N, C-alpha and C. Protein backbone atom coordinates (compact mmCIF):
# COMPACT_ATOMS: atom_id res chain seq x y z
N MET A 1 14.67 -4.43 167.57
CA MET A 1 14.66 -2.98 167.56
C MET A 1 14.60 -2.50 166.12
N ALA A 2 13.74 -1.55 165.85
CA ALA A 2 13.60 -1.00 164.50
C ALA A 2 14.85 -0.20 164.14
N THR A 3 15.18 -0.22 162.86
CA THR A 3 16.32 0.55 162.40
C THR A 3 16.01 2.03 162.55
N LYS A 4 16.94 2.75 163.12
CA LYS A 4 16.76 4.18 163.31
C LYS A 4 17.35 4.89 162.09
N LYS A 5 16.55 5.78 161.52
CA LYS A 5 16.94 6.40 160.25
C LYS A 5 16.58 7.88 160.27
N LEU A 6 17.46 8.69 159.71
CA LEU A 6 17.19 10.13 159.60
C LEU A 6 16.38 10.41 158.35
N SER A 7 15.66 11.52 158.37
CA SER A 7 14.96 11.97 157.17
C SER A 7 16.01 12.35 156.12
N PRO A 8 15.64 12.37 154.84
CA PRO A 8 16.60 12.79 153.81
C PRO A 8 17.17 14.19 154.07
N GLU A 9 16.34 15.10 154.59
CA GLU A 9 16.81 16.46 154.87
C GLU A 9 17.85 16.46 155.98
N LYS A 10 17.56 15.75 157.07
CA LYS A 10 18.50 15.67 158.20
C LYS A 10 19.79 14.98 157.76
N SER A 11 19.67 13.95 156.94
CA SER A 11 20.85 13.23 156.44
C SER A 11 21.75 14.17 155.64
N SER A 12 21.15 14.93 154.73
CA SER A 12 21.93 15.87 153.91
C SER A 12 22.59 16.94 154.77
N GLU A 13 21.83 17.45 155.73
CA GLU A 13 22.36 18.47 156.64
C GLU A 13 23.54 17.94 157.44
N LEU A 14 23.41 16.73 157.96
CA LEU A 14 24.49 16.13 158.74
C LEU A 14 25.72 15.86 157.87
N ILE A 15 25.51 15.35 156.67
CA ILE A 15 26.65 15.07 155.78
C ILE A 15 27.41 16.36 155.48
N GLU A 16 26.70 17.47 155.31
CA GLU A 16 27.38 18.76 155.08
C GLU A 16 28.19 19.19 156.30
N ILE A 17 27.63 19.01 157.49
CA ILE A 17 28.35 19.34 158.73
C ILE A 17 29.61 18.49 158.83
N LEU A 18 29.47 17.19 158.59
CA LEU A 18 30.62 16.28 158.68
C LEU A 18 31.67 16.59 157.63
N LYS A 19 31.23 16.94 156.43
CA LYS A 19 32.17 17.29 155.35
C LYS A 19 32.96 18.54 155.72
N THR A 20 32.29 19.55 156.23
CA THR A 20 32.97 20.79 156.62
C THR A 20 33.98 20.51 157.73
N ARG A 21 33.58 19.73 158.73
CA ARG A 21 34.49 19.39 159.83
C ARG A 21 35.68 18.60 159.29
N PHE A 22 35.42 17.66 158.39
CA PHE A 22 36.48 16.86 157.77
C PHE A 22 37.49 17.77 157.07
N GLU A 23 36.97 18.70 156.27
CA GLU A 23 37.85 19.60 155.51
C GLU A 23 38.61 20.57 156.40
N ASN A 24 38.04 20.93 157.55
CA ASN A 24 38.69 21.86 158.46
C ASN A 24 39.71 21.20 159.39
N ASN A 25 39.79 19.87 159.37
CA ASN A 25 40.67 19.14 160.28
C ASN A 25 41.41 18.02 159.55
N LEU A 26 42.06 18.37 158.46
CA LEU A 26 42.69 17.36 157.60
C LEU A 26 43.79 16.57 158.29
N LEU A 27 44.42 17.12 159.31
CA LEU A 27 45.49 16.38 160.00
C LEU A 27 44.95 15.17 160.75
N ARG A 28 43.66 15.14 161.04
CA ARG A 28 43.07 13.99 161.75
C ARG A 28 42.93 12.76 160.86
N HIS A 29 42.93 12.97 159.55
CA HIS A 29 42.62 11.85 158.64
C HIS A 29 43.41 11.95 157.34
N GLN A 30 44.71 11.98 157.47
CA GLN A 30 45.56 12.06 156.28
C GLN A 30 45.37 10.81 155.43
N ASN A 31 45.46 10.98 154.14
CA ASN A 31 45.33 9.90 153.16
C ASN A 31 43.93 9.30 153.08
N ILE A 32 42.93 10.05 153.55
CA ILE A 32 41.53 9.61 153.43
C ILE A 32 40.79 10.68 152.63
N GLU A 33 40.02 10.25 151.66
CA GLU A 33 39.28 11.18 150.80
C GLU A 33 37.83 11.27 151.27
N TRP A 34 37.30 12.50 151.33
CA TRP A 34 35.93 12.69 151.78
C TRP A 34 34.93 11.93 150.93
N ARG A 35 35.10 11.91 149.62
CA ARG A 35 34.12 11.25 148.74
C ARG A 35 33.96 9.77 149.12
N ASP A 36 35.06 9.13 149.56
CA ASP A 36 34.98 7.72 149.97
C ASP A 36 34.20 7.58 151.28
N VAL A 37 34.42 8.52 152.20
CA VAL A 37 33.70 8.52 153.47
C VAL A 37 32.21 8.75 153.21
N GLN A 38 31.90 9.74 152.37
CA GLN A 38 30.51 10.07 152.08
C GLN A 38 29.79 8.89 151.44
N GLU A 39 30.45 8.17 150.56
CA GLU A 39 29.83 7.00 149.93
C GLU A 39 29.46 5.96 150.99
N LYS A 40 30.35 5.72 151.94
CA LYS A 40 30.06 4.77 153.03
C LYS A 40 28.86 5.26 153.84
N LEU A 41 28.85 6.56 154.16
CA LEU A 41 27.75 7.11 154.96
C LEU A 41 26.42 6.95 154.24
N GLU A 42 26.39 7.22 152.95
CA GLU A 42 25.14 7.12 152.19
C GLU A 42 24.65 5.68 152.08
N ASN A 43 25.59 4.73 152.16
CA ASN A 43 25.22 3.32 152.08
C ASN A 43 24.86 2.71 153.44
N HIS A 44 25.02 3.50 154.51
CA HIS A 44 24.73 3.00 155.86
C HIS A 44 23.93 4.03 156.65
N PRO A 45 22.64 4.22 156.33
CA PRO A 45 21.83 5.25 157.00
C PRO A 45 21.72 5.05 158.51
N GLU A 46 21.80 3.82 158.98
CA GLU A 46 21.74 3.59 160.42
C GLU A 46 22.96 4.17 161.12
N LYS A 47 24.08 4.24 160.43
CA LYS A 47 25.30 4.85 160.99
C LYS A 47 25.15 6.37 161.01
N LEU A 48 24.48 6.91 160.01
CA LEU A 48 24.20 8.35 160.02
C LEU A 48 23.37 8.74 161.23
N TRP A 49 22.42 7.88 161.58
CA TRP A 49 21.59 8.15 162.76
C TRP A 49 22.47 8.23 164.01
N SER A 50 23.41 7.30 164.15
CA SER A 50 24.31 7.32 165.32
C SER A 50 25.20 8.55 165.30
N LEU A 51 25.70 8.93 164.14
CA LEU A 51 26.51 10.15 164.04
C LEU A 51 25.69 11.38 164.41
N TYR A 52 24.42 11.38 164.03
CA TYR A 52 23.53 12.48 164.39
C TYR A 52 23.39 12.56 165.91
N GLU A 53 23.24 11.41 166.56
CA GLU A 53 23.16 11.38 168.02
C GLU A 53 24.44 11.93 168.65
N MET A 54 25.58 11.61 168.05
CA MET A 54 26.85 12.16 168.54
C MET A 54 26.87 13.68 168.34
N GLU A 55 26.38 14.12 167.20
CA GLU A 55 26.39 15.55 166.87
C GLU A 55 25.48 16.36 167.78
N ILE A 56 24.26 15.89 168.02
CA ILE A 56 23.31 16.69 168.81
C ILE A 56 23.68 16.74 170.30
N THR A 57 24.58 15.85 170.72
CA THR A 57 25.08 15.92 172.10
C THR A 57 26.44 16.62 172.13
N GLU A 58 26.72 17.37 171.06
CA GLU A 58 27.91 18.21 170.92
C GLU A 58 29.21 17.42 170.97
N GLY A 59 29.18 16.22 170.39
CA GLY A 59 30.40 15.41 170.32
C GLY A 59 31.32 15.78 169.17
N GLU A 60 30.78 16.49 168.17
CA GLU A 60 31.57 16.88 166.99
C GLU A 60 32.31 15.69 166.38
N PRO A 61 31.57 14.66 165.94
CA PRO A 61 32.23 13.48 165.38
C PRO A 61 33.02 13.80 164.12
N ASP A 62 34.17 13.16 164.01
CA ASP A 62 35.03 13.35 162.84
C ASP A 62 35.78 12.05 162.58
N VAL A 63 36.25 11.89 161.34
CA VAL A 63 37.02 10.72 160.95
C VAL A 63 38.42 10.84 161.55
N VAL A 64 38.86 9.75 162.20
CA VAL A 64 40.20 9.74 162.80
C VAL A 64 41.05 8.60 162.25
N GLY A 65 40.50 7.83 161.31
CA GLY A 65 41.28 6.75 160.74
C GLY A 65 40.42 5.80 159.93
N LYS A 66 41.09 4.75 159.46
CA LYS A 66 40.41 3.71 158.67
C LYS A 66 40.92 2.36 159.14
N ASP A 67 40.00 1.45 159.38
CA ASP A 67 40.35 0.08 159.75
C ASP A 67 40.75 -0.63 158.46
N GLU A 68 42.02 -0.92 158.31
CA GLU A 68 42.51 -1.52 157.06
C GLU A 68 42.00 -2.94 156.85
N ASP A 69 41.63 -3.62 157.94
CA ASP A 69 41.12 -4.98 157.81
C ASP A 69 39.69 -5.00 157.27
N THR A 70 38.86 -4.08 157.73
CA THR A 70 37.44 -4.09 157.35
C THR A 70 37.09 -3.03 156.31
N GLY A 71 37.96 -2.03 156.12
CA GLY A 71 37.67 -0.93 155.21
C GLY A 71 36.74 0.13 155.81
N GLU A 72 36.44 -0.01 157.10
CA GLU A 72 35.53 0.93 157.75
C GLU A 72 36.28 2.20 158.17
N TYR A 73 35.58 3.33 158.06
CA TYR A 73 36.12 4.59 158.55
C TYR A 73 35.78 4.72 160.02
N ILE A 74 36.68 5.27 160.80
CA ILE A 74 36.52 5.36 162.24
C ILE A 74 36.25 6.81 162.62
N PHE A 75 35.12 7.03 163.29
CA PHE A 75 34.74 8.34 163.80
C PHE A 75 34.89 8.34 165.31
N PHE A 76 35.45 9.42 165.86
CA PHE A 76 35.48 9.65 167.31
C PHE A 76 34.78 10.97 167.58
N ASP A 77 34.29 11.13 168.81
CA ASP A 77 33.85 12.45 169.28
C ASP A 77 35.11 13.30 169.39
N CYS A 78 35.15 14.41 168.65
CA CYS A 78 36.34 15.27 168.62
C CYS A 78 36.07 16.66 169.19
N ALA A 79 35.02 16.82 169.98
CA ALA A 79 34.75 18.11 170.61
C ALA A 79 35.91 18.43 171.56
N PRO A 80 36.25 19.71 171.69
CA PRO A 80 37.36 20.07 172.59
C PRO A 80 37.16 19.56 174.02
N GLU A 81 35.94 19.65 174.52
CA GLU A 81 35.63 19.16 175.86
C GLU A 81 34.66 17.98 175.75
N SER A 82 34.57 17.21 176.82
CA SER A 82 33.70 16.03 176.83
C SER A 82 32.29 16.40 176.35
N PRO A 83 31.70 15.59 175.48
CA PRO A 83 30.37 15.92 174.95
C PRO A 83 29.32 16.13 176.04
N LYS A 84 28.22 16.76 175.67
CA LYS A 84 27.14 17.11 176.60
C LYS A 84 26.27 15.91 176.94
N ARG A 85 26.91 14.81 177.21
CA ARG A 85 26.24 13.63 177.78
C ARG A 85 27.00 13.31 179.04
N ARG A 86 26.71 14.14 180.05
CA ARG A 86 27.46 14.12 181.30
C ARG A 86 26.55 13.80 182.48
N SER A 87 27.14 13.84 183.66
CA SER A 87 26.42 13.52 184.90
C SER A 87 25.78 12.14 184.83
N LEU A 88 26.55 11.21 184.29
CA LEU A 88 26.12 9.81 184.15
C LEU A 88 27.13 8.92 184.87
N CYS A 89 26.64 7.92 185.59
CA CYS A 89 27.57 6.96 186.18
C CYS A 89 28.00 5.97 185.10
N TYR A 90 28.79 4.96 185.48
CA TYR A 90 29.40 4.11 184.47
C TYR A 90 28.42 3.13 183.80
N ASP A 91 27.71 2.32 184.58
CA ASP A 91 26.83 1.32 183.98
C ASP A 91 25.59 1.11 184.84
N TYR A 92 24.70 0.25 184.38
CA TYR A 92 23.44 0.03 185.09
C TYR A 92 23.65 -0.51 186.51
N PRO A 93 24.51 -1.52 186.72
CA PRO A 93 24.70 -1.98 188.10
C PRO A 93 25.18 -0.85 189.03
N ALA A 94 26.03 0.03 188.53
CA ALA A 94 26.49 1.17 189.34
C ALA A 94 25.32 2.11 189.63
N TRP A 95 24.54 2.41 188.61
CA TRP A 95 23.37 3.28 188.78
C TRP A 95 22.40 2.67 189.78
N ASN A 96 22.14 1.38 189.64
CA ASN A 96 21.19 0.68 190.49
C ASN A 96 21.66 0.62 191.95
N SER A 97 22.98 0.65 192.16
CA SER A 97 23.51 0.55 193.52
C SER A 97 23.33 1.84 194.31
N ARG A 98 23.06 2.94 193.62
CA ARG A 98 22.89 4.21 194.33
C ARG A 98 21.54 4.23 195.02
N LYS A 99 21.54 4.54 196.29
CA LYS A 99 20.28 4.60 197.05
C LYS A 99 19.66 5.99 196.98
N ALA A 100 20.49 7.01 196.80
CA ALA A 100 20.00 8.40 196.76
C ALA A 100 20.74 9.15 195.66
N ASN A 101 20.13 10.22 195.19
CA ASN A 101 20.75 11.10 194.19
C ASN A 101 21.22 10.34 192.95
N LYS A 102 20.33 9.49 192.44
CA LYS A 102 20.68 8.73 191.23
C LYS A 102 20.83 9.69 190.05
N PRO A 103 21.84 9.48 189.23
CA PRO A 103 21.96 10.30 188.02
C PRO A 103 20.88 9.90 187.02
N GLU A 104 20.78 10.65 185.95
CA GLU A 104 19.78 10.38 184.92
C GLU A 104 19.97 9.01 184.28
N GLY A 105 21.20 8.54 184.22
CA GLY A 105 21.46 7.26 183.58
C GLY A 105 22.92 6.89 183.68
N ASN A 106 23.36 6.07 182.72
CA ASN A 106 24.75 5.60 182.73
C ASN A 106 25.30 5.59 181.32
N ILE A 107 26.61 5.60 181.22
CA ILE A 107 27.24 5.75 179.90
C ILE A 107 27.14 4.49 179.04
N VAL A 108 27.16 3.33 179.67
CA VAL A 108 27.08 2.09 178.88
C VAL A 108 25.74 2.01 178.16
N ASP A 109 24.65 2.26 178.88
CA ASP A 109 23.34 2.24 178.24
C ASP A 109 23.19 3.36 177.23
N LYS A 110 23.69 4.55 177.55
CA LYS A 110 23.59 5.70 176.63
C LYS A 110 24.33 5.39 175.32
N ALA A 111 25.53 4.84 175.42
CA ALA A 111 26.30 4.49 174.21
C ALA A 111 25.54 3.45 173.39
N ASN A 112 24.97 2.45 174.05
CA ASN A 112 24.20 1.42 173.34
C ASN A 112 22.99 2.03 172.64
N GLU A 113 22.27 2.94 173.33
CA GLU A 113 21.12 3.61 172.71
C GLU A 113 21.54 4.40 171.47
N MET A 114 22.72 4.99 171.51
CA MET A 114 23.22 5.79 170.40
C MET A 114 23.83 4.95 169.28
N GLY A 115 24.09 3.68 169.55
CA GLY A 115 24.71 2.80 168.55
C GLY A 115 26.20 3.03 168.41
N ILE A 116 26.86 3.47 169.50
CA ILE A 116 28.30 3.74 169.44
C ILE A 116 29.01 2.94 170.53
N GLU A 117 30.33 2.91 170.44
CA GLU A 117 31.17 2.27 171.45
C GLU A 117 31.84 3.36 172.29
N ILE A 118 32.11 3.05 173.53
CA ILE A 118 32.86 3.95 174.41
C ILE A 118 34.34 3.81 174.05
N LEU A 119 35.06 4.93 173.99
CA LEU A 119 36.48 4.86 173.66
C LEU A 119 37.23 4.03 174.69
N THR A 120 38.19 3.25 174.19
CA THR A 120 39.12 2.53 175.06
C THR A 120 40.24 3.48 175.44
N GLU A 121 41.09 3.07 176.37
CA GLU A 121 42.24 3.90 176.73
C GLU A 121 43.13 4.13 175.51
N GLU A 122 43.37 3.09 174.74
CA GLU A 122 44.21 3.21 173.53
C GLU A 122 43.60 4.21 172.55
N GLN A 123 42.29 4.13 172.32
CA GLN A 123 41.63 5.06 171.41
C GLN A 123 41.69 6.49 171.95
N TYR A 124 41.48 6.64 173.25
CA TYR A 124 41.54 7.97 173.86
C TYR A 124 42.93 8.58 173.68
N ARG A 125 43.96 7.80 173.89
CA ARG A 125 45.33 8.30 173.72
C ARG A 125 45.60 8.64 172.25
N HIS A 126 45.03 7.85 171.33
CA HIS A 126 45.16 8.17 169.90
C HIS A 126 44.49 9.53 169.61
N LEU A 127 43.30 9.73 170.14
CA LEU A 127 42.61 11.01 169.96
C LEU A 127 43.49 12.17 170.43
N GLN A 128 44.12 11.99 171.57
CA GLN A 128 44.94 13.07 172.15
C GLN A 128 46.18 13.37 171.31
N GLN A 129 46.56 12.47 170.42
CA GLN A 129 47.66 12.75 169.49
C GLN A 129 47.20 13.64 168.34
N LEU A 130 45.89 13.76 168.16
CA LEU A 130 45.33 14.56 167.07
C LEU A 130 44.98 15.98 167.49
N GLY A 131 45.13 16.29 168.76
CA GLY A 131 44.79 17.61 169.29
C GLY A 131 44.84 17.58 170.80
N LYS A 132 44.33 18.63 171.40
CA LYS A 132 44.28 18.72 172.86
C LYS A 132 42.82 18.72 173.28
N PHE A 133 42.42 17.65 173.96
CA PHE A 133 41.03 17.44 174.34
C PHE A 133 40.90 17.28 175.85
N ASP A 134 39.72 17.62 176.37
CA ASP A 134 39.43 17.48 177.80
C ASP A 134 40.43 18.25 178.67
N LEU A 135 40.64 19.51 178.34
CA LEU A 135 41.51 20.35 179.17
C LEU A 135 40.79 20.84 180.43
N LYS A 136 39.45 20.87 180.40
CA LYS A 136 38.66 21.31 181.54
C LYS A 136 37.69 20.24 182.03
N THR A 137 37.46 19.23 181.22
CA THR A 137 36.51 18.16 181.55
C THR A 137 37.27 16.84 181.60
N SER A 138 36.56 15.76 181.84
CA SER A 138 37.14 14.42 181.77
C SER A 138 36.13 13.52 181.06
N SER A 139 36.60 12.37 180.60
CA SER A 139 35.73 11.44 179.88
C SER A 139 35.92 10.02 180.40
N TRP A 140 34.79 9.39 180.77
CA TRP A 140 34.84 7.97 181.10
C TRP A 140 35.39 7.23 179.88
N ILE A 141 36.13 6.17 180.11
CA ILE A 141 36.57 5.29 179.02
C ILE A 141 36.15 3.87 179.36
N LYS A 142 36.23 2.99 178.38
CA LYS A 142 35.85 1.59 178.60
C LYS A 142 36.74 1.01 179.70
N THR A 143 36.11 0.53 180.73
CA THR A 143 36.83 0.04 181.89
C THR A 143 37.15 -1.44 181.75
N PRO A 144 38.39 -1.83 182.01
CA PRO A 144 38.73 -3.25 181.99
C PRO A 144 37.86 -4.02 182.99
N GLU A 145 37.47 -5.23 182.62
CA GLU A 145 36.54 -6.03 183.42
C GLU A 145 37.03 -6.26 184.84
N ASN A 146 38.34 -6.50 185.00
CA ASN A 146 38.85 -6.77 186.35
C ASN A 146 38.68 -5.57 187.28
N ILE A 147 38.79 -4.36 186.76
CA ILE A 147 38.57 -3.16 187.57
C ILE A 147 37.09 -3.00 187.86
N ARG A 148 36.27 -3.23 186.84
CA ARG A 148 34.82 -3.08 187.02
C ARG A 148 34.27 -4.07 188.03
N GLU A 149 34.78 -5.30 188.01
CA GLU A 149 34.33 -6.32 188.96
C GLU A 149 34.59 -5.92 190.41
N LEU A 150 35.58 -5.06 190.62
CA LEU A 150 35.91 -4.60 191.97
C LEU A 150 35.19 -3.30 192.33
N GLY A 151 34.29 -2.85 191.44
CA GLY A 151 33.48 -1.66 191.73
C GLY A 151 34.00 -0.37 191.14
N GLY A 152 35.12 -0.44 190.44
CA GLY A 152 35.72 0.78 189.89
C GLY A 152 35.39 1.02 188.44
N ALA A 153 35.75 2.19 187.99
CA ALA A 153 35.66 2.57 186.58
C ALA A 153 36.75 3.59 186.33
N VAL A 154 37.16 3.75 185.08
CA VAL A 154 38.28 4.65 184.77
C VAL A 154 37.85 5.76 183.81
N PHE A 155 38.57 6.87 183.92
CA PHE A 155 38.32 8.01 183.05
C PHE A 155 39.65 8.69 182.77
N CYS A 156 39.65 9.54 181.75
CA CYS A 156 40.87 10.23 181.34
C CYS A 156 40.60 11.71 181.14
N ASP A 157 41.68 12.47 181.16
CA ASP A 157 41.66 13.88 180.77
C ASP A 157 43.07 14.29 180.39
N ARG A 158 43.21 15.55 180.03
CA ARG A 158 44.53 16.08 179.68
C ARG A 158 44.80 17.29 180.57
N ARG A 159 45.86 17.21 181.34
CA ARG A 159 46.30 18.29 182.19
C ARG A 159 47.82 18.38 182.08
N TYR A 160 48.36 19.58 182.20
CA TYR A 160 49.82 19.78 182.16
C TYR A 160 50.43 19.15 180.91
N ASP A 161 49.69 19.25 179.80
CA ASP A 161 50.11 18.71 178.51
C ASP A 161 50.40 17.20 178.56
N THR A 162 49.68 16.50 179.45
CA THR A 162 49.84 15.07 179.63
C THR A 162 48.47 14.42 179.75
N VAL A 163 48.31 13.24 179.16
CA VAL A 163 47.06 12.50 179.28
C VAL A 163 47.15 11.63 180.54
N PHE A 164 46.17 11.80 181.41
CA PHE A 164 46.11 11.03 182.65
C PHE A 164 44.91 10.08 182.62
N MET A 165 45.09 8.91 183.23
CA MET A 165 43.99 7.99 183.46
C MET A 165 43.82 7.89 184.98
N TYR A 166 42.56 7.98 185.42
CA TYR A 166 42.24 7.93 186.84
C TYR A 166 41.17 6.88 187.08
N HIS A 167 40.83 6.71 188.36
CA HIS A 167 39.77 5.78 188.74
C HIS A 167 38.77 6.47 189.65
N ASN A 168 37.59 5.92 189.70
CA ASN A 168 36.51 6.36 190.58
C ASN A 168 35.63 5.15 190.82
N GLY A 169 34.75 5.25 191.82
CA GLY A 169 33.72 4.25 191.94
C GLY A 169 32.82 4.38 190.72
N ALA A 170 32.38 3.28 190.17
CA ALA A 170 31.56 3.30 188.96
C ALA A 170 30.24 4.03 189.17
N GLU A 171 29.80 4.14 190.42
CA GLU A 171 28.52 4.81 190.71
C GLU A 171 28.65 6.33 190.76
N SER A 172 29.88 6.85 190.70
CA SER A 172 30.06 8.30 190.78
C SER A 172 29.67 8.97 189.47
N TYR A 173 29.36 10.25 189.57
CA TYR A 173 29.05 11.03 188.37
C TYR A 173 29.33 12.49 188.67
N TYR A 174 29.70 13.23 187.62
CA TYR A 174 30.08 14.62 187.77
C TYR A 174 29.60 15.42 186.57
N ALA A 175 29.30 16.68 186.80
CA ALA A 175 28.82 17.56 185.73
C ALA A 175 29.88 17.79 184.66
N ALA A 176 31.14 17.63 185.02
CA ALA A 176 32.23 17.86 184.07
C ALA A 176 32.79 16.57 183.48
N ARG A 177 32.10 15.44 183.70
CA ARG A 177 32.58 14.17 183.14
C ARG A 177 31.49 13.55 182.27
N GLY A 178 31.86 13.33 181.02
CA GLY A 178 30.98 12.65 180.08
C GLY A 178 31.67 11.42 179.54
N PHE A 179 31.42 11.13 178.28
CA PHE A 179 32.14 10.04 177.62
C PHE A 179 32.25 10.36 176.14
N ARG A 180 33.27 9.81 175.53
CA ARG A 180 33.51 9.96 174.10
C ARG A 180 33.25 8.63 173.41
N GLY A 181 32.66 8.74 172.22
CA GLY A 181 32.28 7.53 171.51
C GLY A 181 33.08 7.31 170.24
N CYS A 182 32.98 6.08 169.76
CA CYS A 182 33.60 5.63 168.53
C CYS A 182 32.53 4.97 167.68
N LEU A 183 32.57 5.23 166.39
CA LEU A 183 31.66 4.57 165.45
C LEU A 183 32.45 4.22 164.20
N LYS A 184 32.28 2.97 163.76
CA LYS A 184 32.90 2.53 162.50
C LYS A 184 31.84 2.48 161.43
N VAL A 185 32.18 3.05 160.26
CA VAL A 185 31.26 3.09 159.12
C VAL A 185 31.94 2.48 157.91
């Protein structure tokens, strides 16, 4: 697969959007300096392309931490509600199992196309410590293999000031359920 790269103009525009979001949400990334994040972004244009994909689907990616082992900055979709990549079932086998009313696609393939990872339950709960997300929507999360093997998939949301994890058949899809991604740069 060819490396996906933004034009210099799009790259500059995205970096400005990310910088503004970073500066407006300092509690999400204490002890991290924007100049260090920007340097990483400029050195990894393929990661900028993935962040752009998160941005254009209204994910509002922002830095939520740093992996101390690798030195990578961690971006999550930080939009108040699940990003506009919704009405998708969990994965290709689930999509393929539907005989009628197939959704446009699935979250596993969509995340792979975007070059991002689906948030795990642990990551989703970390995100919810940084603000209040998915008050009206829900987000698929990475489903443990043992649940997926039995035909299920899991998703989370926040209701009654509490983060809940639920289950559904992996082939289900809803207009108010999308997925949140993670990208390390």
